[in-house]
C-alpha atoms as a PDB file:
ATOM      1  CA  MET A   1     215.109 155.646 -90.449  1.00  0.00           C
ATOM      2  CA  GLN A   2     212.860 157.681 -92.750  1.00  0.00           C
ATOM      3  CA  LEU A   3     211.392 156.436 -96.037  1.00  0.00           C
ATOM      4  CA  ARG A   4     213.797 158.556 -98.091  1.00  0.00           C
ATOM      5  CA  GLN A   5     216.754 157.036 -96.258  1.00  0.00           C
ATOM      6  CA  LEU A   6     215.287 153.559 -96.702  1.00  0.00           C
ATOM      7  CA  SER A   7     215.076 154.217-100.423  1.00  0.00           C
ATOM      8  CA  THR A   8     218.738 155.218-100.542  1.00  0.00           C
ATOM      9  CA  GLU A   9     219.875 152.256 -98.460  1.00  0.00           C
ATOM     10  CA  LEU A  10     217.937 149.765-100.600  1.00  0.00           C
ATOM     11  CA  LYS A  11     219.167 151.212-103.888  1.00  0.00           C
ATOM     12  CA  ASP A  12     222.754 150.906-102.637  1.00  0.00           C
ATOM     13  CA  ALA A  13     222.215 147.375-101.306  1.00  0.00           C
ATOM     14  CA  TYR A  14     220.393 146.066-104.365  1.00  0.00           C
ATOM     15  CA  ARG A  15     222.564 147.689-107.023  1.00  0.00           C
ATOM     16  CA  GLY A  16     223.625 145.255-109.731  1.00  0.00           C
ATOM     17  CA  PHE A  17     221.236 142.350-109.225  1.00  0.00           C
ATOM     18  CA  ASP A  18     217.648 141.292-109.897  1.00  0.00           C
ATOM     19  CA  VAL A  19     216.000 141.492-106.460  1.00  0.00           C
ATOM     20  CA  ALA A  20     212.879 139.441-107.237  1.00  0.00           C
ATOM     21  CA  ARG A  21     214.970 136.690-108.834  1.00  0.00           C
ATOM     22  CA  ARG A  22     217.338 136.623-105.863  1.00  0.00           C
ATOM     23  CA  VAL A  23     214.350 136.352-103.474  1.00  0.00           C
ATOM     24  CA  ARG A  24     213.030 133.369-105.462  1.00  0.00           C
ATOM     25  CA  HIS A  25     216.470 131.796-105.389  1.00  0.00           C
ATOM     26  CA  TYR A  26     216.704 132.324-101.632  1.00  0.00           C
ATOM     27  CA  ASP A  27     213.208 130.993-101.052  1.00  0.00           C
ATOM     28  CA  GLY A  28     214.189 127.628-102.500  1.00  0.00           C
ATOM     29  CA  TRP A  29     217.299 127.088-100.410  1.00  0.00           C
ATOM     30  CA  LEU A  30     215.806 124.275 -98.312  1.00  0.00           C
ATOM     31  CA  ASP A  31     215.201 122.202-101.438  1.00  0.00           C
ATOM     32  CA  ARG A  32     218.740 122.815-102.697  1.00  0.00           C
ATOM     33  CA  ALA A  33     220.155 121.866 -99.295  1.00  0.00           C
ATOM     34  CA  ALA A  34     218.265 118.568 -99.144  1.00  0.00           C
ATOM     35  CA  PRO A  35     220.557 115.488 -99.357  1.00  0.00           C
ATOM     36  CA  GLU A  36     218.609 114.159-102.356  1.00  0.00           C
ATOM     37  CA  SER A  37     218.933 117.437-104.289  1.00  0.00           C
ATOM     38  CA  ASP A  38     220.767 117.414-107.620  1.00  0.00           C
ATOM     39  CA  ALA A  39     221.473 121.157-107.417  1.00  0.00           C
ATOM     40  CA  GLY A  40     225.184 120.564-106.841  1.00  0.00           C
ATOM     41  CA  GLU A  41     227.303 121.383-103.794  1.00  0.00           C
ATOM     42  CA  TYR A  42     225.313 123.552-101.391  1.00  0.00           C
ATOM     43  CA  ASP A  43     226.954 126.386 -99.409  1.00  0.00           C
ATOM     44  CA  HIS A  44     224.822 127.610 -96.486  1.00  0.00           C
ATOM     45  CA  ALA A  45     227.031 130.671 -96.013  1.00  0.00           C
ATOM     46  CA  GLU A  46     225.741 131.970 -99.346  1.00  0.00           C
ATOM     47  CA  THR A  47     222.139 131.507 -98.171  1.00  0.00           C
ATOM     48  CA  ALA A  48     222.827 133.457 -94.967  1.00  0.00           C
ATOM     49  CA  ARG A  49     224.487 136.201 -97.008  1.00  0.00           C
ATOM     50  CA  ASP A  50     221.470 136.381 -99.360  1.00  0.00           C
ATOM     51  CA  TYR A  51     219.134 136.675 -96.380  1.00  0.00           C
ATOM     52  CA  TYR A  52     220.946 139.624 -94.845  1.00  0.00           C
ATOM     53  CA  ASP A  53     221.783 141.342 -98.130  1.00  0.00           C
ATOM     54  CA  LEU A  54     218.098 141.252 -99.118  1.00  0.00           C
ATOM     55  CA  CYS A  55     216.394 141.909 -95.798  1.00  0.00           C
ATOM     56  CA  SER A  56     218.651 144.160 -93.705  1.00  0.00           C
ATOM     57  CA  GLY A  57     217.266 147.465 -95.028  1.00  0.00           C
ATOM     58  CA  PHE A  58     213.659 146.600 -94.202  1.00  0.00           C
ATOM     59  CA  MET A  59     214.665 144.928 -90.933  1.00  0.00           C
ATOM     60  CA  VAL A  60     216.410 148.068 -89.701  1.00  0.00           C
ATOM     61  CA  TRP A  61     213.537 150.268 -90.885  1.00  0.00           C
ATOM     62  CA  GLY A  62     210.946 148.149 -89.060  1.00  0.00           C
ATOM     63  CA  TRP A  63     212.962 146.896 -86.091  1.00  0.00           C
ATOM     64  CA  SER A  64     216.046 148.882 -85.021  1.00  0.00           C
ATOM     65  CA  GLU A  65     219.808 149.131 -85.591  1.00  0.00           C
ATOM     66  CA  SER A  66     220.120 146.155 -83.230  1.00  0.00           C
ATOM     67  CA  LEU A  67     218.824 143.249 -85.288  1.00  0.00           C
ATOM     68  CA  HIS A  68     218.083 140.940 -82.387  1.00  0.00           C
ATOM     69  CA  PHE A  69     215.322 139.974 -79.980  1.00  0.00           C
ATOM     70  CA  ALA A  70     215.340 140.867 -76.303  1.00  0.00           C
ATOM     71  CA  PRO A  71     213.281 139.988 -73.203  1.00  0.00           C
ATOM     72  CA  LEU A  72     210.434 142.529 -73.175  1.00  0.00           C
ATOM     73  CA  THR A  73     208.523 144.165 -70.353  1.00  0.00           C
ATOM     74  CA  PRO A  74     205.218 146.099 -70.532  1.00  0.00           C
ATOM     75  CA  ARG A  75     206.981 149.314 -69.468  1.00  0.00           C
ATOM     76  CA  GLU A  76     209.635 149.333 -72.179  1.00  0.00           C
ATOM     77  CA  SER A  77     209.773 149.828 -75.905  1.00  0.00           C
ATOM     78  CA  LEU A  78     211.568 147.222 -78.013  1.00  0.00           C
ATOM     79  CA  GLU A  79     214.570 149.526 -78.306  1.00  0.00           C
ATOM     80  CA  GLU A  80     214.759 150.085 -74.525  1.00  0.00           C
ATOM     81  CA  SER A  81     214.587 146.328 -73.925  1.00  0.00           C
ATOM     82  CA  GLN A  82     217.431 145.762 -76.411  1.00  0.00           C
ATOM     83  CA  VAL A  83     219.608 148.313 -74.580  1.00  0.00           C
ATOM     84  CA  ARG A  84     218.903 146.610 -71.247  1.00  0.00           C
ATOM     85  CA  HIS A  85     219.723 143.210 -72.752  1.00  0.00           C
ATOM     86  CA  GLN A  86     222.983 144.464 -74.266  1.00  0.00           C
ATOM     87  CA  ARG A  87     224.021 145.928 -70.901  1.00  0.00           C
ATOM     88  CA  LEU A  88     223.305 142.583 -69.254  1.00  0.00           C
ATOM     89  CA  MET A  89     225.680 140.997 -71.776  1.00  0.00           C
ATOM     90  CA  ILE A  90     228.387 143.571 -71.044  1.00  0.00           C
ATOM     91  CA  SER A  91     228.011 142.898 -67.324  1.00  0.00           C
ATOM     92  CA  LYS A  92     228.111 139.095 -67.723  1.00  0.00           C
ATOM     93  CA  LEU A  93     231.256 139.334 -69.847  1.00  0.00           C
ATOM     94  CA  GLU A  94     233.007 141.392 -67.140  1.00  0.00           C
ATOM     95  CA  MET A  95     234.511 143.689 -69.747  1.00  0.00           C
ATOM     96  CA  GLU A  96     237.269 146.068 -68.692  1.00  0.00           C
ATOM     97  CA  PRO A  97     238.617 149.114 -70.573  1.00  0.00           C
ATOM     98  CA  GLY A  98     241.409 148.214 -72.971  1.00  0.00           C
ATOM     99  CA  MET A  99     240.217 144.691 -73.676  1.00  0.00           C
ATOM    100  CA  THR A 100     239.917 143.374 -77.232  1.00  0.00           C
ATOM    101  CA  VAL A 101     236.542 141.844 -78.087  1.00  0.00           C
ATOM    102  CA  ILE A 102     235.208 139.936 -81.086  1.00  0.00           C
ATOM    103  CA  ASP A 103     231.616 140.408 -82.275  1.00  0.00           C
ATOM    104  CA  VAL A 104     230.834 137.206 -84.200  1.00  0.00           C
ATOM    105  CA  GLY A 105     228.299 138.199 -86.855  1.00  0.00           C
ATOM    106  CA  CYS A 106     228.114 141.920 -86.101  1.00  0.00           C
ATOM    107  CA  GLY A 107     225.180 142.844 -88.361  1.00  0.00           C
ATOM    108  CA  ILE A 108     225.144 146.598 -88.872  1.00  0.00           C
ATOM    109  CA  GLY A 109     226.850 147.062 -85.514  1.00  0.00           C
ATOM    110  CA  GLY A 110     224.151 148.208 -83.088  1.00  0.00           C
ATOM    111  CA  PRO A 111     225.384 146.142 -80.115  1.00  0.00           C
ATOM    112  CA  MET A 112     229.007 146.600 -81.184  1.00  0.00           C
ATOM    113  CA  ARG A 113     228.788 150.392 -80.909  1.00  0.00           C
ATOM    114  CA  ARG A 114     227.238 150.123 -77.420  1.00  0.00           C
ATOM    115  CA  VAL A 115     229.955 147.720 -76.296  1.00  0.00           C
ATOM    116  CA  ALA A 116     232.731 149.990 -77.564  1.00  0.00           C
ATOM    117  CA  ARG A 117     231.143 153.136 -76.123  1.00  0.00           C
ATOM    118  CA  GLU A 118     230.059 151.868 -72.709  1.00  0.00           C
ATOM    119  CA  ALA A 119     232.744 149.276 -71.924  1.00  0.00           C
ATOM    120  CA  GLY A 120     235.711 151.200 -73.327  1.00  0.00           C
ATOM    121  CA  VAL A 121     237.005 148.218 -75.288  1.00  0.00           C
ATOM    122  CA  SER A 122     238.242 147.641 -78.834  1.00  0.00           C
ATOM    123  CA  VAL A 123     235.934 145.528 -80.989  1.00  0.00           C
ATOM    124  CA  VAL A 124     236.453 143.584 -84.205  1.00  0.00           C
ATOM    125  CA  GLY A 125     233.223 142.820 -86.059  1.00  0.00           C
ATOM    126  CA  ILE A 126     233.005 139.671 -88.175  1.00  0.00           C
ATOM    127  CA  ASN A 127     230.471 139.627 -91.004  1.00  0.00           C
ATOM    128  CA  ILE A 128     230.089 137.795 -94.314  1.00  0.00           C
ATOM    129  CA  SER A 129     227.705 140.425 -95.799  1.00  0.00           C
ATOM    130  CA  ASP A 130     229.407 143.320 -97.560  1.00  0.00           C
ATOM    131  CA  VAL A 131     226.048 145.142 -97.567  1.00  0.00           C
ATOM    132  CA  GLN A 132     225.850 145.038 -93.769  1.00  0.00           C
ATOM    133  CA  LEU A 133     229.527 145.836 -93.326  1.00  0.00           C
ATOM    134  CA  ALA A 134     229.316 148.978 -95.457  1.00  0.00           C
ATOM    135  CA  TRP A 135     226.337 150.105 -93.413  1.00  0.00           C
ATOM    136  CA  ALA A 136     228.090 149.288 -90.111  1.00  0.00           C
ATOM    137  CA  LYS A 137     231.184 151.253 -91.079  1.00  0.00           C
ATOM    138  CA  ARG A 138     229.130 154.321 -91.988  1.00  0.00           C
ATOM    139  CA  LEU A 139     227.078 154.274 -88.786  1.00  0.00           C
ATOM    140  CA  THR A 140     230.184 153.707 -86.697  1.00  0.00           C
ATOM    141  CA  ALA A 141     231.922 156.673 -88.324  1.00  0.00           C
ATOM    142  CA  GLU A 142     228.848 158.840 -87.703  1.00  0.00           C
ATOM    143  CA  ALA A 143     228.916 157.766 -84.036  1.00  0.00           C
ATOM    144  CA  GLY A 144     232.577 158.793 -83.746  1.00  0.00           C
ATOM    145  CA  LEU A 145     233.692 155.273 -82.840  1.00  0.00           C
ATOM    146  CA  SER A 146     235.860 154.293 -85.829  1.00  0.00           C
ATOM    147  CA  HIS A 147     238.943 154.437 -83.602  1.00  0.00           C
ATOM    148  CA  ALA A 148     237.557 151.629 -81.424  1.00  0.00           C
ATOM    149  CA  ILE A 149     236.014 149.322 -84.035  1.00  0.00           C
ATOM    150  CA  GLU A 150     237.520 147.308 -86.880  1.00  0.00           C
ATOM    151  CA  TYR A 151     235.996 144.760 -89.251  1.00  0.00           C
ATOM    152  CA  GLU A 152     236.845 141.489 -90.911  1.00  0.00           C
ATOM    153  CA  GLN A 153     234.729 140.311 -93.857  1.00  0.00           C
ATOM    154  CA  CYS A 154     234.670 136.542 -93.545  1.00  0.00           C
ATOM    155  CA  SER A 155     232.540 133.643 -92.404  1.00  0.00           C
ATOM    156  CA  PHE A 156     232.753 132.800 -88.714  1.00  0.00           C
ATOM    157  CA  MET A 157     233.239 129.223 -89.902  1.00  0.00           C
ATOM    158  CA  ASP A 158     236.684 130.256 -91.209  1.00  0.00           C
ATOM    159  CA  MET A 159     238.385 133.176 -89.470  1.00  0.00           C
ATOM    160  CA  SER A 160     241.858 132.161 -90.653  1.00  0.00           C
ATOM    161  CA  ALA A 161     242.800 135.824 -91.133  1.00  0.00           C
ATOM    162  CA  ILE A 162     242.762 136.106 -87.323  1.00  0.00           C
ATOM    163  CA  GLY A 163     245.501 134.520 -85.229  1.00  0.00           C
ATOM    164  CA  ASP A 164     245.032 132.186 -82.283  1.00  0.00           C
ATOM    165  CA  GLY A 165     244.228 133.733 -78.894  1.00  0.00           C
ATOM    166  CA  ALA A 166     243.606 137.240 -80.221  1.00  0.00           C
ATOM    167  CA  PHE A 167     240.654 138.322 -78.032  1.00  0.00           C
ATOM    168  CA  ASP A 168     239.914 138.781 -74.331  1.00  0.00           C
ATOM    169  CA  ARG A 169     236.185 138.431 -74.777  1.00  0.00           C
ATOM    170  CA  GLY A 170     233.657 137.417 -77.434  1.00  0.00           C
ATOM    171  CA  TYR A 171     229.954 137.437 -78.134  1.00  0.00           C
ATOM    172  CA  ALA A 172     227.667 136.040 -80.799  1.00  0.00           C
ATOM    173  CA  ILE A 173     224.125 137.441 -80.909  1.00  0.00           C
ATOM    174  CA  GLU A 174     221.774 135.416 -83.136  1.00  0.00           C
ATOM    175  CA  SER A 175     224.628 134.579 -85.505  1.00  0.00           C
ATOM    176  CA  THR A 176     225.929 131.064 -84.794  1.00  0.00           C
ATOM    177  CA  CYS A 177     222.325 129.835 -85.097  1.00  0.00           C
ATOM    178  CA  HIS A 178     223.008 130.151 -88.871  1.00  0.00           C
ATOM    179  CA  ALA A 179     226.030 127.844 -88.710  1.00  0.00           C
ATOM    180  CA  PRO A 180     225.888 124.742 -90.901  1.00  0.00           C
ATOM    181  CA  ASP A 181     228.047 123.045 -88.242  1.00  0.00           C
ATOM    182  CA  LYS A 182     227.666 124.437 -84.740  1.00  0.00           C
ATOM    183  CA  GLU A 183     230.721 122.626 -83.354  1.00  0.00           C
ATOM    184  CA  GLY A 184     232.754 124.004 -86.252  1.00  0.00           C
ATOM    185  CA  ALA A 185     231.611 127.572 -85.502  1.00  0.00           C
ATOM    186  CA  PHE A 186     232.310 127.262 -81.783  1.00  0.00           C
ATOM    187  CA  ALA A 187     235.704 125.693 -82.497  1.00  0.00           C
ATOM    188  CA  GLU A 188     236.761 128.725 -84.549  1.00  0.00           C
ATOM    189  CA  ILE A 189     235.549 131.088 -81.826  1.00  0.00           C
ATOM    190  CA  PHE A 190     237.393 129.000 -79.220  1.00  0.00           C
ATOM    191  CA  ARG A 191     240.588 129.270 -81.278  1.00  0.00           C
ATOM    192  CA  VAL A 192     240.599 133.079 -81.516  1.00  0.00           C
ATOM    193  CA  LEU A 193     239.859 133.627 -77.799  1.00  0.00           C
ATOM    194  CA  LYS A 194     242.597 133.855 -75.188  1.00  0.00           C
ATOM    195  CA  PRO A 195     242.759 131.219 -72.432  1.00  0.00           C
ATOM    196  CA  GLY A 196     240.366 132.310 -69.677  1.00  0.00           C
ATOM    197  CA  ALA A 197     238.270 134.426 -72.059  1.00  0.00           C
ATOM    198  CA  LEU A 198     234.482 134.609 -71.665  1.00  0.00           C
ATOM    199  CA  LEU A 199     231.962 134.101 -74.487  1.00  0.00           C
ATOM    200  CA  TRP A 200     228.333 135.244 -74.487  1.00  0.00           C
ATOM    201  CA  GLY A 201     225.960 133.739 -77.004  1.00  0.00           C
ATOM    202  CA  GLN A 202     222.332 134.232 -77.927  1.00  0.00           C
ATOM    203  CA  GLU A 203     220.891 131.318 -79.892  1.00  0.00           C
ATOM    204  CA  MET A 204     217.598 130.622 -81.643  1.00  0.00           C
ATOM    205  CA  CYS A 205     216.495 127.262 -80.254  1.00  0.00           C
ATOM    206  CA  LEU A 206     213.765 124.679 -80.024  1.00  0.00           C
ATOM    207  CA  THR A 207     212.363 124.368 -76.508  1.00  0.00           C
ATOM    208  CA  ASP A 208     211.506 121.202 -74.612  1.00  0.00           C
ATOM    209  CA  ALA A 209     207.897 121.683 -75.826  1.00  0.00           C
ATOM    210  CA  PHE A 210     208.897 120.744 -79.385  1.00  0.00           C
ATOM    211  CA  ASP A 211     207.558 117.332 -80.419  1.00  0.00           C
ATOM    212  CA  ALA A 212     209.350 115.834 -83.423  1.00  0.00           C
ATOM    213  CA  ASP A 213     206.345 113.622 -84.099  1.00  0.00           C
ATOM    214  CA  ASP A 214     203.914 116.563 -84.272  1.00  0.00           C
ATOM    215  CA  ASP A 215     203.304 117.577 -87.903  1.00  0.00           C
ATOM    216  CA  GLU A 216     202.353 121.144 -86.928  1.00  0.00           C
ATOM    217  CA  HIS A 217     205.536 121.570 -84.917  1.00  0.00           C
ATOM    218  CA  GLN A 218     207.586 120.291 -87.844  1.00  0.00           C
ATOM    219  CA  ALA A 219     205.813 122.674 -90.236  1.00  0.00           C
ATOM    220  CA  ILE A 220     206.575 125.655 -87.978  1.00  0.00           C
ATOM    221  CA  LYS A 221     210.191 124.555 -87.655  1.00  0.00           C
ATOM    222  CA  ARG A 222     210.551 124.317 -91.430  1.00  0.00           C
ATOM    223  CA  GLU A 223     209.045 127.787 -91.948  1.00  0.00           C
ATOM    224  CA  LEU A 224     211.438 129.244 -89.390  1.00  0.00           C
ATOM    225  CA  MET A 225     214.415 127.547 -91.000  1.00  0.00           C
ATOM    226  CA  ARG A 226     213.365 128.722 -94.463  1.00  0.00           C
ATOM    227  CA  GLY A 227     212.615 132.297 -93.468  1.00  0.00           C
ATOM    228  CA  ILE A 228     215.632 132.971 -91.226  1.00  0.00           C
ATOM    229  CA  ALA A 229     218.247 130.913 -93.113  1.00  0.00           C
ATOM    230  CA  LEU A 230     218.706 128.436 -90.265  1.00  0.00           C
ATOM    231  CA  ASN A 231     220.462 125.281 -91.430  1.00  0.00           C
ATOM    232  CA  ASP A 232     218.822 123.558 -88.462  1.00  0.00           C
ATOM    233  CA  ILE A 233     217.393 124.643 -85.096  1.00  0.00           C
ATOM    234  CA  ALA A 234     219.222 123.269 -82.080  1.00  0.00           C
ATOM    235  CA  THR A 235     217.852 122.480 -78.638  1.00  0.00           C
ATOM    236  CA  PHE A 236     219.340 124.042 -75.515  1.00  0.00           C
ATOM    237  CA  ARG A 237     221.143 120.776 -74.774  1.00  0.00           C
ATOM    238  CA  GLU A 238     222.607 120.568 -78.281  1.00  0.00           C
ATOM    239  CA  VAL A 239     224.021 124.098 -77.984  1.00  0.00           C
ATOM    240  CA  ASN A 240     225.677 123.243 -74.665  1.00  0.00           C
ATOM    241  CA  GLN A 241     226.994 119.937 -76.021  1.00  0.00           C
ATOM    242  CA  ALA A 242     228.562 121.700 -79.017  1.00  0.00           C
ATOM    243  CA  LEU A 243     230.245 124.241 -76.736  1.00  0.00           C
ATOM    244  CA  GLU A 244     231.630 121.557 -74.447  1.00  0.00           C
ATOM    245  CA  ALA A 245     232.733 119.388 -77.379  1.00  0.00           C
ATOM    246  CA  VAL A 246     235.232 122.043 -78.517  1.00  0.00           C
ATOM    247  CA  GLY A 247     236.509 122.777 -75.005  1.00  0.00           C
ATOM    248  CA  PHE A 248     234.321 125.528 -73.543  1.00  0.00           C
ATOM    249  CA  GLU A 249     233.118 125.379 -69.937  1.00  0.00           C
ATOM    250  CA  VAL A 250     229.444 126.357 -69.875  1.00  0.00           C
ATOM    251  CA  ILE A 251     228.955 128.651 -66.877  1.00  0.00           C
ATOM    252  CA  GLU A 252     225.243 129.294 -67.388  1.00  0.00           C
ATOM    253  CA  GLY A 253     222.569 128.818 -70.021  1.00  0.00           C
ATOM    254  CA  MET A 254     218.941 129.834 -69.892  1.00  0.00           C
ATOM    255  CA  ASP A 255     215.961 130.962 -71.906  1.00  0.00           C
ATOM    256  CA  ARG A 256     215.887 134.668 -70.993  1.00  0.00           C
ATOM    257  CA  GLU A 257     212.220 134.743 -72.022  1.00  0.00           C
ATOM    258  CA  VAL A 258     211.380 132.815 -68.845  1.00  0.00           C
ATOM    259  CA  VAL A 259     211.298 135.441 -66.081  1.00  0.00           C
ATOM    260  CA  GLU A 260     209.545 136.139 -62.808  1.00  0.00           C
ATOM    261  CA  GLY A 261     207.133 139.061 -62.697  1.00  0.00           C
ATOM    262  CA  PRO A 262     205.430 141.009 -65.500  1.00  0.00           C
ATOM    263  CA  SER A 263     206.756 140.356 -68.963  1.00  0.00           C
ATOM    264  CA  THR A 264     205.733 140.620 -72.594  1.00  0.00           C
ATOM    265  CA  PRO A 265     206.238 137.735 -75.080  1.00  0.00           C
ATOM    266  CA  TRP A 266     209.289 138.248 -77.270  1.00  0.00           C
ATOM    267  CA  TYR A 267     207.133 137.924 -80.411  1.00  0.00           C
ATOM    268  CA  ARG A 268     204.562 140.565 -79.312  1.00  0.00           C
ATOM    269  CA  PRO A 269     205.932 143.392 -81.573  1.00  0.00           C
ATOM    270  CA  MET A 270     205.138 141.204 -84.625  1.00  0.00           C
ATOM    271  CA  GLU A 271     201.668 140.312 -83.371  1.00  0.00           C
ATOM    272  CA  ARG A 272     200.270 143.591 -82.021  1.00  0.00           C
ATOM    273  CA  ARG A 273     201.470 147.013 -80.998  1.00  0.00           C
ATOM    274  CA  HIS A 274     204.152 147.236 -78.356  1.00  0.00           C
ATOM    275  CA  GLY A 275     205.490 150.680 -77.416  1.00  0.00           C
ATOM    276  CA  ARG A 276     205.725 153.528 -79.920  1.00  0.00           C
ATOM    277  CA  LEU A 277     204.299 152.958 -83.404  1.00  0.00           C
ATOM    278  CA  GLY A 278     206.836 154.874 -85.494  1.00  0.00           C
ATOM    279  CA  ASN A 279     208.404 152.601 -88.105  1.00  0.00           C
ATOM    280  CA  ALA A 280     206.935 149.624 -86.221  1.00  0.00           C
ATOM    281  CA  LEU A 281     204.242 149.644 -88.917  1.00  0.00           C
ATOM    282  CA  LEU A 282     206.288 146.980 -90.705  1.00  0.00           C
ATOM    283  CA  ARG A 283     206.197 144.780 -87.575  1.00  0.00           C
ATOM    284  CA  LEU A 284     202.427 144.498 -87.297  1.00  0.00           C
ATOM    285  CA  PRO A 285     200.326 142.065 -89.397  1.00  0.00           C
ATOM    286  CA  TRP A 286     197.966 144.713 -90.736  1.00  0.00           C
ATOM    287  CA  GLY A 287     200.851 147.123 -91.204  1.00  0.00           C
ATOM    288  CA  ARG A 288     202.788 144.609 -93.268  1.00  0.00           C
ATOM    289  CA  ARG A 289     199.777 144.102 -95.552  1.00  0.00           C
ATOM    290  CA  VAL A 290     199.438 147.872 -96.008  1.00  0.00           C
ATOM    291  CA  PHE A 291     203.168 148.166 -96.570  1.00  0.00           C
ATOM    292  CA  ILE A 292     203.128 145.471 -99.273  1.00  0.00           C
ATOM    293  CA  GLY A 293     200.591 147.526-101.214  1.00  0.00           C
ATOM    294  CA  GLY A 294     202.544 150.725-100.630  1.00  0.00           C
ATOM    295  CA  THR A 295     205.765 149.084-101.736  1.00  0.00           C
ATOM    296  CA  ARG A 296     204.176 148.121-105.062  1.00  0.00           C
ATOM    297  CA  LEU A 297     203.303 151.795-105.643  1.00  0.00           C
ATOM    298  CA  ALA A 298     206.766 152.894-104.517  1.00  0.00           C
ATOM    299  CA  GLU A 299     208.329 150.474-107.010  1.00  0.00           C
ATOM    300  CA  ALA A 300     206.145 151.838-109.824  1.00  0.00           C
ATOM    301  CA  ALA A 301     207.206 155.375-108.889  1.00  0.00           C
ATOM    302  CA  ARG A 302     210.852 154.214-108.681  1.00  0.00           C
ATOM    303  CA  VAL A 303     211.073 155.344-105.058  1.00  0.00           C
ATOM    304  CA  LEU A 304     212.013 151.794-104.083  1.00  0.00           C
ATOM    305  CA  PRO A 305     213.959 149.303-106.216  1.00  0.00           C
ATOM    306  CA  ARG A 306     212.068 146.737-108.283  1.00  0.00           C
ATOM    307  CA  GLY A 307     211.608 143.547-106.304  1.00  0.00           C
ATOM    308  CA  SER A 308     211.272 145.280-102.923  1.00  0.00           C
ATOM    309  CA  THR A 309     207.713 143.989-102.566  1.00  0.00           C
ATOM    310  CA  GLU A 310     208.956 140.398-102.743  1.00  0.00           C
ATOM    311  CA  VAL A 311     211.376 141.089 -99.897  1.00  0.00           C
ATOM    312  CA  VAL A 312     208.540 142.478 -97.743  1.00  0.00           C
ATOM    313  CA  ARG A 313     206.443 139.391 -98.556  1.00  0.00           C
ATOM    314  CA  LEU A 314     209.350 137.200 -97.410  1.00  0.00           C
ATOM    315  CA  LEU A 315     209.621 139.153 -94.142  1.00  0.00           C
ATOM    316  CA  ASP A 316     205.841 138.977 -93.621  1.00  0.00           C
ATOM    317  CA  ARG A 317     205.826 135.191 -93.970  1.00  0.00           C
ATOM    318  CA  THR A 318     208.832 134.936 -91.641  1.00  0.00           C
ATOM    319  CA  ALA A 319     207.159 137.147 -89.030  1.00  0.00           C
ATOM    320  CA  GLU A 320     204.147 134.811 -89.082  1.00  0.00           C
ATOM    321  CA  ALA A 321     206.499 131.859 -88.460  1.00  0.00           C
ATOM    322  CA  TYR A 322     208.133 133.665 -85.545  1.00  0.00           C
ATOM    323  CA  VAL A 323     204.730 134.289 -83.953  1.00  0.00           C
ATOM    324  CA  ALA A 324     203.619 130.703 -84.554  1.00  0.00           C
ATOM    325  CA  GLY A 325     206.821 129.398 -82.983  1.00  0.00           C
ATOM    326  CA  GLY A 326     206.453 131.693 -79.992  1.00  0.00           C
ATOM    327  CA  LYS A 327     202.755 131.142 -79.365  1.00  0.00           C
ATOM    328  CA  SER A 328     203.126 127.366 -79.594  1.00  0.00           C
ATOM    329  CA  GLY A 329     205.984 127.520 -77.113  1.00  0.00           C
ATOM    330  CA  ILE A 330     208.302 125.405 -79.260  1.00  0.00           C
ATOM    331  CA  PHE A 331     210.770 128.133 -80.280  1.00  0.00           C
ATOM    332  CA  THR A 332     212.725 130.903 -78.591  1.00  0.00           C
ATOM    333  CA  PRO A 333     215.365 133.331 -79.914  1.00  0.00           C
ATOM    334  CA  LEU A 334     216.505 134.006 -76.353  1.00  0.00           C
ATOM    335  CA  TYR A 335     218.590 131.036 -75.262  1.00  0.00           C
ATOM    336  CA  CYS A 336     221.552 132.878 -73.767  1.00  0.00           C
ATOM    337  CA  PHE A 337     224.725 131.210 -72.514  1.00  0.00           C
ATOM    338  CA  LEU A 338     227.931 132.288 -70.836  1.00  0.00           C
ATOM    339  CA  ALA A 339     230.953 130.092 -71.433  1.00  0.00           C
ATOM    340  CA  ARG A 340     234.668 130.240 -70.664  1.00  0.00           C
ATOM    341  CA  LYS A 341     237.768 129.027 -72.508  1.00  0.00           C
ATOM    342  CA  PRO A 342     239.725 127.210 -69.794  1.00  0.00           C
ATOM    343  CA  LEU A 343     243.066 128.534 -68.595  1.00  0.00           C
END
């Protein structure tokens, strides 16, 4: 995505609201969610929507159309690793042409378009963000895949517009980690899958290295929760327990970051250069600092909407939390599971 296109996307996304004020509101969500808060009834779905409405434009510009992490190797760019990871998912799900598939939290549809194109299936994308959905629909039309992809704007916590047993397969890539109630999210997914259907999930998790009594570990966890709109961060065991509690059979579950042979840490693109530079400027620490200054100038020149700088600051702080979580070994965005709804 070029800077001119970024400008257009942001102006469309931010139309009608005060960006800086919305960033400040988002930034305080942990305090509002606290049990002792007097801010009234808290809805985490609104926080997740704020996060993606505010950040998606810059995330796509600095990351890719696939807004997820992937196991990296020294020989691949981030984008190449994402493609390889998506193809692994397609293989694990044993997709066959003509199947119906649900993408739970489809983002702007990067993986969804690959699934529809390469597996020959029909996909329904679930998303609570109208900003992301509008973007997904446009990109899907440009790719000539509108005939194979439909959308439902709703929370994956309540997919009541979809009947029971509607899908042959399902996947949730870095989406159910936002759920305020993981069992509740998995129960809704279980309901809309057919008996015998397979589900692939990619969860952001705490590893066994996390020590709840370590103040530094707790500080990193809080920064990750705040920056990524995570109501909590589950362990591998807690994810599996939630799946089994609603009826899924867990076939496999593993941290895909842990591999044999040469590999690159999943957080490397946010720490130092990995692959082509391009728009990766926004990924790197020094690049983010430069970009913050440039965004101020772009706001003054009305190239970017007012408040854009505050969004970049939010992403910069979140990137630092990602790196801290990865380097300490207490956090991974690559816990991947394969589960089945019993016959």
